[in-house]
């Protein structure tokens, strides 16, 4: 008769097969424990490395990137004369106006107390930058940027004699060059670029391909953008010169039967009033 053989625990332990099974189990346990310890540390180290790399990148960006300068042109906190006087009663005593024949009428009207005028017939940025013709005609000064008598506020309105010669882009670029020469040769100079005034309806389109209201509008837009890019003021005097149809007001024009662009005394007053109500300084 067949008898079942009892196997005790001690007997199982002594079996080669049993020993292999136990060893394998122990290895599995040991490996699991090791992995549980190593993997989190490795992940932590990787996270720390990533954080360090990110911090380094951020630090490098902070060191190499500088904030773009904020332009003083465009929308700025202009002050009316009454308030500006409280800030600086000598505001216009520190100012000079550079202009062409339109500026001559403004100079004769002389609506801004203390302003110095450098205005000349047929003058423009083309003439100002071309020293070979500086004194040959109309009494144009050589190196006008050296004629400021120490005045730091430089109001400038030119373009009538430049648009047909060099076009809109050329006239804007020449204005930039002239203003840069002023800044480079006068410590602390502040530039106030004036928009060019328009033409009356009856003369629009008769002064050449570019010297018309469309060309003047494009020129003024270019001046404003250029002023903002260079941290210069843009003073939009033309904005009060238009009638409802977009032309120079008839009552503001002194030569309706000729060029239709020069200002009357009423127009010069509008120019002066606008400037008196749009005073600006970077310290305000």
C-alpha atoms as a PDB file:
ATOM      1  CA  UNK A   1       0.000   0.000   0.000  1.00  0.00           C
ATOM      2  CA  UNK A   2       1.242   3.415  -1.014  1.00  0.00           C
ATOM      3  CA  UNK A   3       2.192   5.663   1.928  1.00  0.00           C
ATOM      4  CA  UNK A   4       2.178   9.580   1.618  1.00  0.00           C
ATOM      5  CA  UNK A   5       5.586  10.938   2.593  1.00  0.00           C
ATOM      6  CA  UNK A   6       5.462  13.988   4.876  1.00  0.00           C
ATOM      7  CA  UNK A   7       7.710  16.849   3.985  1.00  0.00           C
ATOM      8  CA  UNK A   8       8.589  19.193   6.819  1.00  0.00           C
ATOM      9  CA  UNK A   9       9.608  22.777   6.532  1.00  0.00           C
ATOM     10  CA  UNK A  10      13.145  21.884   7.374  1.00  0.00           C
ATOM     11  CA  UNK A  11      13.084  19.341   4.622  1.00  0.00           C
ATOM     12  CA  UNK A  12      11.821  21.857   2.092  1.00  0.00           C
ATOM     13  CA  UNK A  13      14.568  24.224   3.041  1.00  0.00           C
ATOM     14  CA  UNK A  14      17.152  21.603   2.413  1.00  0.00           C
ATOM     15  CA  UNK A  15      15.871  20.967  -1.150  1.00  0.00           C
ATOM     16  CA  UNK A  16      18.079  22.528  -3.891  1.00  0.00           C
ATOM     17  CA  UNK A  17      14.999  23.643  -5.756  1.00  0.00           C
ATOM     18  CA  UNK A  18      13.588  25.289  -2.670  1.00  0.00           C
ATOM     19  CA  UNK A  19      16.839  27.104  -2.024  1.00  0.00           C
ATOM     20  CA  UNK A  20      16.809  28.565  -5.552  1.00  0.00           C
ATOM     21  CA  UNK A  21      13.232  29.782  -5.126  1.00  0.00           C
ATOM     22  CA  UNK A  22      14.022  31.483  -1.821  1.00  0.00           C
ATOM     23  CA  UNK A  23      17.143  33.102  -3.266  1.00  0.00           C
ATOM     24  CA  UNK A  24      15.216  34.444  -6.220  1.00  0.00           C
ATOM     25  CA  UNK A  25      12.594  35.901  -3.909  1.00  0.00           C
ATOM     26  CA  UNK A  26      15.256  37.585  -1.814  1.00  0.00           C
ATOM     27  CA  UNK A  27      16.861  39.086  -4.922  1.00  0.00           C
ATOM     28  CA  UNK A  28      13.526  40.478  -6.071  1.00  0.00           C
ATOM     29  CA  UNK A  29      12.939  42.040  -2.656  1.00  0.00           C
ATOM     30  CA  UNK A  30      16.423  43.547  -2.531  1.00  0.00           C
ATOM     31  CA  UNK A  31      16.138  44.979  -6.039  1.00  0.00           C
ATOM     32  CA  UNK A  32      12.748  46.505  -5.242  1.00  0.00           C
ATOM     33  CA  UNK A  33      14.110  48.153  -2.106  1.00  0.00           C
ATOM     34  CA  UNK A  34      17.126  49.540  -3.957  1.00  0.00           C
ATOM     35  CA  UNK A  35      14.986  50.931  -6.745  1.00  0.00           C
ATOM     36  CA  UNK A  36      12.618  52.521  -4.240  1.00  0.00           C
ATOM     37  CA  UNK A  37      15.555  54.395  -2.717  1.00  0.00           C
ATOM     38  CA  UNK A  38      17.550  55.291  -5.832  1.00  0.00           C
ATOM     39  CA  UNK A  39      14.844  56.393  -8.248  1.00  0.00           C
ATOM     40  CA  UNK A  40      13.292  59.188  -6.101  1.00  0.00           C
ATOM     41  CA  UNK A  41      16.746  60.621  -5.369  1.00  0.00           C
ATOM     42  CA  UNK A  42      17.654  60.557  -9.028  1.00  0.00           C
ATOM     43  CA  UNK A  43      14.393  62.271  -9.926  1.00  0.00           C
ATOM     44  CA  UNK A  44      14.977  64.870  -7.206  1.00  0.00           C
ATOM     45  CA  UNK A  45      18.469  65.522  -8.525  1.00  0.00           C
ATOM     46  CA  UNK A  46      17.104  65.909 -12.054  1.00  0.00           C
ATOM     47  CA  UNK A  47      14.495  68.380 -10.839  1.00  0.00           C
ATOM     48  CA  UNK A  48      17.127  70.369  -8.983  1.00  0.00           C
ATOM     49  CA  UNK A  49      19.320  70.387 -12.100  1.00  0.00           C
ATOM     50  CA  UNK A  50      16.411  71.594 -14.244  1.00  0.00           C
ATOM     51  CA  UNK A  51      15.542  74.312 -11.724  1.00  0.00           C
ATOM     52  CA  UNK A  52      19.167  75.405 -11.644  1.00  0.00           C
ATOM     53  CA  UNK A  53      19.293  75.544 -15.448  1.00  0.00           C
ATOM     54  CA  UNK A  54      16.080  77.543 -15.557  1.00  0.00           C
ATOM     55  CA  UNK A  55      17.383  79.948 -12.937  1.00  0.00           C
ATOM     56  CA  UNK A  56      20.627  80.365 -14.822  1.00  0.00           C
ATOM     57  CA  UNK A  57      18.741  81.089 -18.035  1.00  0.00           C
ATOM     58  CA  UNK A  58      16.550  83.617 -16.256  1.00  0.00           C
ATOM     59  CA  UNK A  59      19.583  85.286 -14.721  1.00  0.00           C
ATOM     60  CA  UNK A  60      21.296  85.452 -18.114  1.00  0.00           C
ATOM     61  CA  UNK A  61      18.180  86.960 -19.666  1.00  0.00           C
ATOM     62  CA  UNK A  62      18.014  89.532 -16.898  1.00  0.00           C
ATOM     63  CA  UNK A  63      21.643  90.433 -17.403  1.00  0.00           C
ATOM     64  CA  UNK A  64      21.610  90.669 -21.197  1.00  0.00           C
ATOM     65  CA  UNK A  65      18.154  92.176 -21.839  1.00  0.00           C
ATOM     66  CA  UNK A  66      17.551  95.840 -21.081  1.00  0.00           C
ATOM     67  CA  UNK A  67      14.185  97.537 -21.119  1.00  0.00           C
ATOM     68  CA  UNK A  68      13.541  99.566 -24.236  1.00  0.00           C
ATOM     69  CA  UNK A  69      13.581 103.297 -23.581  1.00  0.00           C
ATOM     70  CA  UNK A  70      10.158 104.830 -23.170  1.00  0.00           C
ATOM     71  CA  UNK A  71       9.549 107.546 -25.759  1.00  0.00           C
ATOM     72  CA  UNK A  72       8.571 111.006 -24.644  1.00  0.00           C
ATOM     73  CA  UNK A  73       6.844 111.691 -27.945  1.00  0.00           C
ATOM     74  CA  UNK A  74       3.242 110.935 -28.788  1.00  0.00           C
ATOM     75  CA  UNK A  75       0.854 110.797 -25.838  1.00  0.00           C
ATOM     76  CA  UNK A  76       2.611 112.746 -23.086  1.00  0.00           C
ATOM     77  CA  UNK A  77       1.356 114.799 -20.147  1.00  0.00           C
ATOM     78  CA  UNK A  78       1.336 118.226 -21.782  1.00  0.00           C
ATOM     79  CA  UNK A  79       0.603 121.205 -19.546  1.00  0.00           C
ATOM     80  CA  UNK A  80      -1.092 124.492 -20.339  1.00  0.00           C
ATOM     81  CA  UNK A  81       1.024 127.608 -19.915  1.00  0.00           C
ATOM     82  CA  UNK A  82      -0.502 128.565 -16.559  1.00  0.00           C
ATOM     83  CA  UNK A  83       0.505 125.207 -15.068  1.00  0.00           C
ATOM     84  CA  UNK A  84       3.817 125.081 -16.947  1.00  0.00           C
ATOM     85  CA  UNK A  85       4.821 128.433 -15.449  1.00  0.00           C
ATOM     86  CA  UNK A  86       4.455 126.960 -11.992  1.00  0.00           C
ATOM     87  CA  UNK A  87       6.914 124.250 -13.017  1.00  0.00           C
ATOM     88  CA  UNK A  88       9.279 126.565 -14.872  1.00  0.00           C
ATOM     89  CA  UNK A  89       8.508 130.275 -15.449  1.00  0.00           C
ATOM     90  CA  UNK A  90      11.427 130.436 -17.924  1.00  0.00           C
ATOM     91  CA  UNK A  91      10.112 127.612 -20.098  1.00  0.00           C
ATOM     92  CA  UNK A  92       9.971 129.582 -23.376  1.00  0.00           C
ATOM     93  CA  UNK A  93      12.992 131.676 -22.486  1.00  0.00           C
ATOM     94  CA  UNK A  94      14.830 128.380 -22.900  1.00  0.00           C
ATOM     95  CA  UNK A  95      13.254 127.723 -26.314  1.00  0.00           C
ATOM     96  CA  UNK A  96      14.229 128.326 -29.937  1.00  0.00           C
ATOM     97  CA  UNK A  97      12.061 127.774 -33.016  1.00  0.00           C
ATOM     98  CA  UNK A  98      13.641 126.629 -36.278  1.00  0.00           C
ATOM     99  CA  UNK A  99      11.406 127.159 -39.302  1.00  0.00           C
ATOM    100  CA  UNK A 100      10.968 128.122 -42.945  1.00  0.00           C
ATOM    101  CA  UNK A 101       8.867 130.883 -44.524  1.00  0.00           C
ATOM    102  CA  UNK A 102       5.826 129.703 -42.568  1.00  0.00           C
ATOM    103  CA  UNK A 103       7.970 130.210 -39.487  1.00  0.00           C
ATOM    104  CA  UNK A 104       8.760 133.758 -40.642  1.00  0.00           C
ATOM    105  CA  UNK A 105       5.077 134.662 -40.291  1.00  0.00           C
ATOM    106  CA  UNK A 106       5.026 133.047 -36.862  1.00  0.00           C
ATOM    107  CA  UNK A 107       8.137 135.027 -35.929  1.00  0.00           C
ATOM    108  CA  UNK A 108       6.553 138.297 -37.071  1.00  0.00           C
ATOM    109  CA  UNK A 109       3.420 137.512 -35.080  1.00  0.00           C
ATOM    110  CA  UNK A 110       5.625 136.647 -32.081  1.00  0.00           C
ATOM    111  CA  UNK A 111       2.882 135.123 -29.991  1.00  0.00           C
ATOM    112  CA  UNK A 112       5.137 133.294 -27.527  1.00  0.00           C
ATOM    113  CA  UNK A 113       7.012 135.530 -25.053  1.00  0.00           C
ATOM    114  CA  UNK A 114      10.673 134.616 -24.732  1.00  0.00           C
ATOM    115  CA  UNK A 115      10.942 132.383 -27.816  1.00  0.00           C
ATOM    116  CA  UNK A 116      14.016 132.821 -30.058  1.00  0.00           C
ATOM    117  CA  UNK A 117      13.423 132.357 -33.807  1.00  0.00           C
ATOM    118  CA  UNK A 118      15.717 130.892 -36.460  1.00  0.00           C
ATOM    119  CA  UNK A 119      13.426 131.053 -39.492  1.00  0.00           C
ATOM    120  CA  UNK A 120      14.426 131.569 -43.139  1.00  0.00           C
ATOM    121  CA  UNK A 121      12.696 131.721 -46.503  1.00  0.00           C
ATOM    122  CA  UNK A 122      13.001 128.603 -48.707  1.00  0.00           C
ATOM    123  CA  UNK A 123      14.695 126.828 -45.795  1.00  0.00           C
ATOM    124  CA  UNK A 124      14.490 123.109 -45.064  1.00  0.00           C
ATOM    125  CA  UNK A 125      16.400 120.153 -43.728  1.00  0.00           C
ATOM    126  CA  UNK A 126      17.970 119.771 -47.174  1.00  0.00           C
ATOM    127  CA  UNK A 127      19.550 123.218 -46.871  1.00  0.00           C
ATOM    128  CA  UNK A 128      20.450 122.776 -43.229  1.00  0.00           C
ATOM    129  CA  UNK A 129      22.375 119.575 -43.925  1.00  0.00           C
ATOM    130  CA  UNK A 130      24.065 120.868 -47.105  1.00  0.00           C
ATOM    131  CA  UNK A 131      26.772 123.183 -45.841  1.00  0.00           C
ATOM    132  CA  UNK A 132      27.819 124.148 -49.367  1.00  0.00           C
ATOM    133  CA  UNK A 133      24.634 126.234 -49.711  1.00  0.00           C
ATOM    134  CA  UNK A 134      24.309 127.277 -46.080  1.00  0.00           C
ATOM    135  CA  UNK A 135      25.206 130.944 -46.527  1.00  0.00           C
ATOM    136  CA  UNK A 136      24.935 131.299 -50.291  1.00  0.00           C
ATOM    137  CA  UNK A 137      21.219 132.138 -50.362  1.00  0.00           C
ATOM    138  CA  UNK A 138      18.626 133.782 -48.136  1.00  0.00           C
ATOM    139  CA  UNK A 139      21.052 134.239 -45.265  1.00  0.00           C
ATOM    140  CA  UNK A 140      20.869 130.591 -44.253  1.00  0.00           C
ATOM    141  CA  UNK A 141      23.164 129.976 -41.271  1.00  0.00           C
ATOM    142  CA  UNK A 142      25.997 127.483 -41.408  1.00  0.00           C
ATOM    143  CA  UNK A 143      25.542 124.638 -38.906  1.00  0.00           C
ATOM    144  CA  UNK A 144      22.254 125.874 -37.493  1.00  0.00           C
ATOM    145  CA  UNK A 145      22.642 123.379 -34.644  1.00  0.00           C
ATOM    146  CA  UNK A 146      25.361 125.676 -33.289  1.00  0.00           C
ATOM    147  CA  UNK A 147      23.168 128.806 -33.311  1.00  0.00           C
ATOM    148  CA  UNK A 148      20.957 128.026 -30.319  1.00  0.00           C
ATOM    149  CA  UNK A 149      22.599 130.428 -27.834  1.00  0.00           C
ATOM    150  CA  UNK A 150      22.444 127.818 -25.104  1.00  0.00           C
ATOM    151  CA  UNK A 151      18.682 127.313 -25.348  1.00  0.00           C
ATOM    152  CA  UNK A 152      17.767 123.715 -24.685  1.00  0.00           C
ATOM    153  CA  UNK A 153      14.182 123.501 -26.015  1.00  0.00           C
ATOM    154  CA  UNK A 154      14.352 123.197 -29.782  1.00  0.00           C
ATOM    155  CA  UNK A 155      11.017 123.535 -31.577  1.00  0.00           C
ATOM    156  CA  UNK A 156      11.369 122.700 -35.263  1.00  0.00           C
ATOM    157  CA  UNK A 157       8.903 122.777 -38.167  1.00  0.00           C
ATOM    158  CA  UNK A 158      10.341 122.136 -41.633  1.00  0.00           C
ATOM    159  CA  UNK A 159       9.306 120.130 -44.691  1.00  0.00           C
ATOM    160  CA  UNK A 160       7.652 122.504 -47.149  1.00  0.00           C
ATOM    161  CA  UNK A 161      10.918 122.830 -49.072  1.00  0.00           C
ATOM    162  CA  UNK A 162      11.919 119.183 -48.701  1.00  0.00           C
ATOM    163  CA  UNK A 163       8.953 117.035 -49.727  1.00  0.00           C
ATOM    164  CA  UNK A 164       9.192 117.625 -53.475  1.00  0.00           C
ATOM    165  CA  UNK A 165      12.979 117.292 -53.372  1.00  0.00           C
ATOM    166  CA  UNK A 166      13.448 114.058 -51.440  1.00  0.00           C
ATOM    167  CA  UNK A 167       9.973 112.624 -50.894  1.00  0.00           C
ATOM    168  CA  UNK A 168       8.245 111.714 -47.645  1.00  0.00           C
ATOM    169  CA  UNK A 169      10.741 109.122 -46.395  1.00  0.00           C
ATOM    170  CA  UNK A 170      13.710 111.254 -47.376  1.00  0.00           C
ATOM    171  CA  UNK A 171      12.278 114.304 -45.611  1.00  0.00           C
ATOM    172  CA  UNK A 172      11.599 112.313 -42.440  1.00  0.00           C
ATOM    173  CA  UNK A 173      15.123 110.901 -42.475  1.00  0.00           C
ATOM    174  CA  UNK A 174      16.661 114.343 -43.018  1.00  0.00           C
ATOM    175  CA  UNK A 175      14.663 115.681 -40.079  1.00  0.00           C
ATOM    176  CA  UNK A 176      16.072 112.844 -37.984  1.00  0.00           C
ATOM    177  CA  UNK A 177      19.618 113.701 -39.088  1.00  0.00           C
ATOM    178  CA  UNK A 178      19.176 117.391 -38.305  1.00  0.00           C
ATOM    179  CA  UNK A 179      17.664 116.734 -34.880  1.00  0.00           C
ATOM    180  CA  UNK A 180      20.489 114.316 -34.077  1.00  0.00           C
ATOM    181  CA  UNK A 181      23.051 116.975 -34.960  1.00  0.00           C
ATOM    182  CA  UNK A 182      21.266 119.371 -32.624  1.00  0.00           C
ATOM    183  CA  UNK A 183      21.338 116.836 -29.792  1.00  0.00           C
ATOM    184  CA  UNK A 184      24.974 115.886 -30.434  1.00  0.00           C
ATOM    185  CA  UNK A 185      26.144 119.505 -30.372  1.00  0.00           C
ATOM    186  CA  UNK A 186      24.040 120.817 -27.477  1.00  0.00           C
ATOM    187  CA  UNK A 187      24.184 119.128 -24.087  1.00  0.00           C
ATOM    188  CA  UNK A 188      20.726 118.505 -22.669  1.00  0.00           C
ATOM    189  CA  UNK A 189      18.888 119.636 -25.807  1.00  0.00           C
ATOM    190  CA  UNK A 190      15.212 118.650 -25.950  1.00  0.00           C
ATOM    191  CA  UNK A 191      13.639 118.200 -29.389  1.00  0.00           C
ATOM    192  CA  UNK A 192      10.034 119.275 -30.083  1.00  0.00           C
ATOM    193  CA  UNK A 193       9.165 118.243 -33.639  1.00  0.00           C
ATOM    194  CA  UNK A 194       6.173 120.206 -34.981  1.00  0.00           C
ATOM    195  CA  UNK A 195       3.780 118.698 -37.468  1.00  0.00           C
ATOM    196  CA  UNK A 196       3.711 120.489 -40.812  1.00  0.00           C
ATOM    197  CA  UNK A 197       0.603 122.601 -41.407  1.00  0.00           C
ATOM    198  CA  UNK A 198      -1.722 121.758 -44.347  1.00  0.00           C
ATOM    199  CA  UNK A 199      -2.684 123.532 -47.605  1.00  0.00           C
ATOM    200  CA  UNK A 200      -6.016 125.194 -48.362  1.00  0.00           C
ATOM    201  CA  UNK A 201      -8.402 123.326 -50.650  1.00  0.00           C
ATOM    202  CA  UNK A 202      -8.035 125.632 -53.664  1.00  0.00           C
ATOM    203  CA  UNK A 203      -4.258 125.064 -53.883  1.00  0.00           C
ATOM    204  CA  UNK A 204      -4.046 121.381 -52.914  1.00  0.00           C
ATOM    205  CA  UNK A 205      -2.360 119.375 -55.669  1.00  0.00           C
ATOM    206  CA  UNK A 206      -0.841 122.412 -57.411  1.00  0.00           C
ATOM    207  CA  UNK A 207       2.488 122.480 -55.587  1.00  0.00           C
ATOM    208  CA  UNK A 208       4.092 119.310 -56.959  1.00  0.00           C
ATOM    209  CA  UNK A 209       3.743 115.551 -56.630  1.00  0.00           C
ATOM    210  CA  UNK A 210       4.442 115.360 -52.889  1.00  0.00           C
ATOM    211  CA  UNK A 211       3.760 118.846 -51.515  1.00  0.00           C
ATOM    212  CA  UNK A 212       0.039 118.269 -51.085  1.00  0.00           C
ATOM    213  CA  UNK A 213      -2.210 117.368 -48.185  1.00  0.00           C
ATOM    214  CA  UNK A 214      -1.802 113.628 -48.759  1.00  0.00           C
ATOM    215  CA  UNK A 215       1.980 113.991 -48.739  1.00  0.00           C
ATOM    216  CA  UNK A 216       1.890 116.273 -45.693  1.00  0.00           C
ATOM    217  CA  UNK A 217      -0.281 113.783 -43.815  1.00  0.00           C
ATOM    218  CA  UNK A 218       2.138 110.936 -44.588  1.00  0.00           C
ATOM    219  CA  UNK A 219       5.065 113.160 -43.631  1.00  0.00           C
ATOM    220  CA  UNK A 220       3.502 114.063 -40.270  1.00  0.00           C
ATOM    221  CA  UNK A 221       2.781 110.413 -39.535  1.00  0.00           C
ATOM    222  CA  UNK A 222       6.406 109.598 -40.306  1.00  0.00           C
ATOM    223  CA  UNK A 223       7.609 112.445 -38.073  1.00  0.00           C
ATOM    224  CA  UNK A 224       5.515 111.230 -35.147  1.00  0.00           C
ATOM    225  CA  UNK A 225       6.832 107.693 -35.443  1.00  0.00           C
ATOM    226  CA  UNK A 226      10.399 108.925 -35.797  1.00  0.00           C
ATOM    227  CA  UNK A 227      10.009 111.209 -32.770  1.00  0.00           C
ATOM    228  CA  UNK A 228       8.758 108.346 -30.622  1.00  0.00           C
ATOM    229  CA  UNK A 229      11.604 106.086 -31.741  1.00  0.00           C
ATOM    230  CA  UNK A 230      14.168 108.700 -30.754  1.00  0.00           C
ATOM    231  CA  UNK A 231      12.594 109.896 -27.480  1.00  0.00           C
ATOM    232  CA  UNK A 232      11.725 113.295 -28.946  1.00  0.00           C
ATOM    233  CA  UNK A 233       8.501 115.215 -28.484  1.00  0.00           C
ATOM    234  CA  UNK A 234       5.961 115.426 -31.289  1.00  0.00           C
ATOM    235  CA  UNK A 235       3.805 118.557 -31.069  1.00  0.00           C
ATOM    236  CA  UNK A 236       0.837 118.246 -33.430  1.00  0.00           C
ATOM    237  CA  UNK A 237       0.122 121.906 -34.214  1.00  0.00           C
ATOM    238  CA  UNK A 238      -1.466 120.891 -37.538  1.00  0.00           C
ATOM    239  CA  UNK A 239      -4.321 119.237 -35.646  1.00  0.00           C
ATOM    240  CA  UNK A 240      -5.922 122.650 -34.961  1.00  0.00           C
ATOM    241  CA  UNK A 241      -5.368 123.993 -38.497  1.00  0.00           C
ATOM    242  CA  UNK A 242      -7.820 121.777 -40.421  1.00  0.00           C
ATOM    243  CA  UNK A 243     -11.346 122.634 -41.507  1.00  0.00           C
ATOM    244  CA  UNK A 244     -14.063 119.979 -41.611  1.00  0.00           C
ATOM    245  CA  UNK A 245     -12.922 118.846 -45.080  1.00  0.00           C
ATOM    246  CA  UNK A 246      -9.322 118.289 -43.963  1.00  0.00           C
ATOM    247  CA  UNK A 247      -7.725 121.384 -45.521  1.00  0.00           C
ATOM    248  CA  UNK A 248      -6.073 124.433 -43.980  1.00  0.00           C
ATOM    249  CA  UNK A 249      -8.776 126.792 -42.748  1.00  0.00           C
ATOM    250  CA  UNK A 250      -9.186 129.680 -45.181  1.00  0.00           C
ATOM    251  CA  UNK A 251      -8.915 132.249 -42.401  1.00  0.00           C
ATOM    252  CA  UNK A 252      -5.579 130.722 -41.353  1.00  0.00           C
ATOM    253  CA  UNK A 253      -4.016 131.229 -44.819  1.00  0.00           C
ATOM    254  CA  UNK A 254      -2.216 134.431 -45.884  1.00  0.00           C
ATOM    255  CA  UNK A 255      -1.650 133.485 -49.553  1.00  0.00           C
ATOM    256  CA  UNK A 256      -4.787 131.753 -50.889  1.00  0.00           C
ATOM    257  CA  UNK A 257      -4.042 132.929 -54.444  1.00  0.00           C
ATOM    258  CA  UNK A 258      -0.462 131.674 -54.410  1.00  0.00           C
ATOM    259  CA  UNK A 259       0.871 128.677 -52.470  1.00  0.00           C
ATOM    260  CA  UNK A 260      -2.053 128.446 -50.064  1.00  0.00           C
ATOM    261  CA  UNK A 261       0.207 127.238 -47.249  1.00  0.00           C
ATOM    262  CA  UNK A 262       1.580 130.280 -45.402  1.00  0.00           C
ATOM    263  CA  UNK A 263      -0.171 131.375 -42.230  1.00  0.00           C
ATOM    264  CA  UNK A 264      -2.158 134.502 -41.557  1.00  0.00           C
ATOM    265  CA  UNK A 265      -1.959 136.282 -38.208  1.00  0.00           C
ATOM    266  CA  UNK A 266      -4.947 134.230 -37.092  1.00  0.00           C
ATOM    267  CA  UNK A 267      -3.164 131.061 -38.125  1.00  0.00           C
ATOM    268  CA  UNK A 268       0.011 132.139 -36.331  1.00  0.00           C
ATOM    269  CA  UNK A 269      -2.068 132.790 -33.202  1.00  0.00           C
ATOM    270  CA  UNK A 270      -3.531 129.278 -33.430  1.00  0.00           C
ATOM    271  CA  UNK A 271       0.036 127.911 -33.665  1.00  0.00           C
ATOM    272  CA  UNK A 272       1.180 129.947 -30.654  1.00  0.00           C
ATOM    273  CA  UNK A 273      -1.901 129.042 -28.594  1.00  0.00           C
ATOM    274  CA  UNK A 274      -1.419 125.351 -29.285  1.00  0.00           C
ATOM    275  CA  UNK A 275       2.208 125.448 -28.167  1.00  0.00           C
ATOM    276  CA  UNK A 276       1.330 127.488 -25.084  1.00  0.00           C
ATOM    277  CA  UNK A 277      -1.162 124.786 -24.120  1.00  0.00           C
ATOM    278  CA  UNK A 278       1.170 121.872 -24.873  1.00  0.00           C
ATOM    279  CA  UNK A 279       4.252 122.475 -22.761  1.00  0.00           C
ATOM    280  CA  UNK A 280       6.235 119.388 -21.799  1.00  0.00           C
ATOM    281  CA  UNK A 281       9.427 118.501 -19.987  1.00  0.00           C
ATOM    282  CA  UNK A 282      10.829 115.059 -19.069  1.00  0.00           C
ATOM    283  CA  UNK A 283      11.208 116.128 -15.436  1.00  0.00           C
ATOM    284  CA  UNK A 284       7.479 116.828 -15.004  1.00  0.00           C
END
